[in-house]
Amino acid sequence: MLAIASLGLLLVFVFPLWRIRLEAPQYPEGLGLEIRVNTVQGVKPNDLRNINGLNHYIGMKRIEPDAIPELRFMPWIVVGLAALGLGAALTGKRKLMYLWIGALLLFAVAGLIDFWKWEYDYGHNLDAENAIIKIPDRNYQPPLIGSRKLLNFTATSWPGLGGWIAIASSGLGAFVVFRELQRARRQRTARSITAERVLRVPVRARQ
């Protein structure tokens, strides 16, 4: 199960981690962004270009995948986590397994926080002087999860298929760790009971 959970993480190289969809009357088919492990792209060929064009009107920065440093080292983190999990599965060492689940949860939380900060930066740090549409004290930060109204657009953000697979892999890994913790506790209890029984046996009987 640990090997399956580790290999499952590699599927984020095939499927998107996150998806943001924009819906408005002038775009009945909707516009979409896919956040992948190494890039950001439109769901349809022209979606990213259209979103950047719309962002220009409200003073938002262009979304340039090459300018996002996390996209350069995130693939190495995923490969490292998968390798660590496979190493723990092959050797059967609990310490490696605990290290793997700890690192996985740490990077998952850090990734969500970093994604929220990225959305915050794009939605709040506006070029108000050059913006065509100016609304004082208004921000355009998309939601991390769920939906939010942004002017006449509705922005909806949810994990993509790769994100759901990563969540499932994390859940499977957490289950394995929980099971191993229970097994280790039972083994310690059994050893303690055995040692206590040995100490209770009279010396003559042991001889």
Foldseek 3Di string as FASTA:
>chain_A
DLLVLLVLLVCLQVWFFKKKWKDFPVCNVTWMWTHGLQFIATPDHCRLVVVQVVLQQAQFHRDDRVPDVSSVCSVVLSVVLSVLSVVCVVVVDLVSLVVSLVSLVVVVVVVLVVVQVVLCCRFPVGPQVSHNDHDPPGTDRADSAAWDDDPRMIMHMDTIPSNVSNVVSSVVSVVVSVVVVVVVVVVVVVVVVVVVVVVPDDPVVVD
